[in-house]
Amino acid sequence: MTPILLAIACLIAITLGYGGLCAASPFGDCRKCRGMGHALKHDRKGRLKRGKDCRRCRATGKRIRLGRWLYNRAARIHRAGTTD
């Protein structure tokens, strides 16, 4: 197998794997709060406290994956273009 065919096969496998991940689990952990839904703060003694709610995920701890967002956008455009 030539290196070009091997690279193409690897890219196809990665794309199909990511597509399967987006179909099976469309939501991933928020990158800002790491899936907790809020920030962590320290008090004066150094103990952890709950901080403010995460604004990016609106305190859910989840975000929509990029592949699923693209799929939803394409489906919405297709649906809007095919209806009368």
Protein backbone atom coordinates (compact mmCIF):
# COMPACT_ATOMS: atom_id res chain seq x y z
CA MET A 1 0.00 0.00 0.00
CA THR A 2 1.45 3.34 -0.98
CA PRO A 3 1.76 6.11 1.61
CA ILE A 4 -0.88 8.23 -0.12
CA LEU A 5 -3.46 5.43 -0.02
CA LEU A 6 -2.57 4.74 3.60
CA ALA A 7 -3.06 8.43 4.49
CA ILE A 8 -6.41 8.51 2.69
CA ALA A 9 -7.54 5.34 4.46
CA CYS A 10 -6.53 6.82 7.84
CA LEU A 11 -8.41 10.06 7.15
CA ILE A 12 -11.54 8.14 6.11
CA ALA A 13 -11.34 5.99 9.25
CA ILE A 14 -10.93 9.06 11.48
CA THR A 15 -13.82 10.86 9.76
CA LEU A 16 -16.14 7.87 10.06
CA GLY A 17 -15.12 7.38 13.69
CA TYR A 18 -15.84 11.01 14.55
CA GLY A 19 -19.13 10.87 12.67
CA GLY A 20 -20.11 7.80 14.68
CA LEU A 21 -19.14 9.55 17.90
CA CYS A 22 -21.25 12.59 17.00
CA ALA A 23 -24.20 10.34 16.14
CA ALA A 24 -23.92 8.25 19.33
CA SER A 25 -23.07 11.08 21.73
CA PRO A 26 -23.86 14.53 20.29
CA PHE A 27 -22.90 16.37 23.48
CA GLY A 28 -19.45 16.51 25.03
CA ASP A 29 -18.07 18.12 28.17
CA CYS A 30 -17.69 21.89 28.18
CA ARG A 31 -14.04 22.85 27.66
CA LYS A 32 -14.18 25.88 29.90
CA CYS A 33 -15.60 24.29 33.06
CA ARG A 34 -14.52 20.71 32.20
CA GLY A 35 -18.08 19.43 32.48
CA MET A 36 -18.75 20.69 36.02
CA GLY A 37 -21.03 23.59 35.04
CA HIS A 38 -19.24 26.04 37.30
CA ALA A 39 -15.80 27.34 38.12
CA LEU A 40 -13.84 26.35 41.22
CA LYS A 41 -12.58 28.95 43.66
CA HIS A 42 -10.38 28.77 46.72
CA ASP A 43 -11.26 30.40 50.01
CA ARG A 44 -8.68 32.03 52.27
CA LYS A 45 -7.72 28.71 53.83
CA GLY A 46 -7.13 27.14 50.43
CA ARG A 47 -10.23 24.92 50.39
CA LEU A 48 -12.16 24.56 47.16
CA LYS A 49 -15.50 26.34 46.81
CA ARG A 50 -18.10 26.45 44.10
CA GLY A 51 -17.61 29.47 41.88
CA LYS A 52 -19.81 31.22 39.35
CA ASP A 53 -21.89 29.32 36.82
CA CYS A 54 -20.22 28.74 33.46
CA ARG A 55 -21.47 31.20 30.84
CA ARG A 56 -20.42 29.10 27.86
CA CYS A 57 -22.54 26.05 28.70
CA ARG A 58 -25.10 27.88 30.87
CA ALA A 59 -24.22 25.71 33.88
CA THR A 60 -25.12 22.41 32.19
CA GLY A 61 -21.55 21.17 31.79
CA LYS A 62 -22.31 20.00 28.24
CA ARG A 63 -21.73 21.47 24.79
CA ILE A 64 -22.70 20.30 21.32
CA ARG A 65 -19.90 18.73 19.32
CA LEU A 66 -18.70 20.50 16.17
CA GLY A 67 -19.66 17.62 13.86
CA ARG A 68 -23.16 17.46 15.26
CA TRP A 69 -23.51 21.25 14.99
CA LEU A 70 -22.52 21.08 11.32
CA TYR A 71 -24.96 18.22 10.70
CA ASN A 72 -27.81 20.12 12.40
CA ARG A 73 -27.05 23.25 10.36
CA ALA A 74 -26.96 21.30 7.06
CA ALA A 75 -30.21 19.47 7.91
CA ARG A 76 -31.91 22.78 8.78
CA ILE A 77 -30.82 24.38 5.49
CA HIS A 78 -31.93 21.32 3.51
CA ARG A 79 -35.30 21.22 5.28
CA ALA A 80 -35.87 24.94 4.65
CA GLY A 81 -35.00 24.59 0.97
CA THR A 82 -37.21 21.59 0.23
CA THR A 83 -40.45 22.67 1.91
CA ASP A 84 -43.07 24.65 0.02
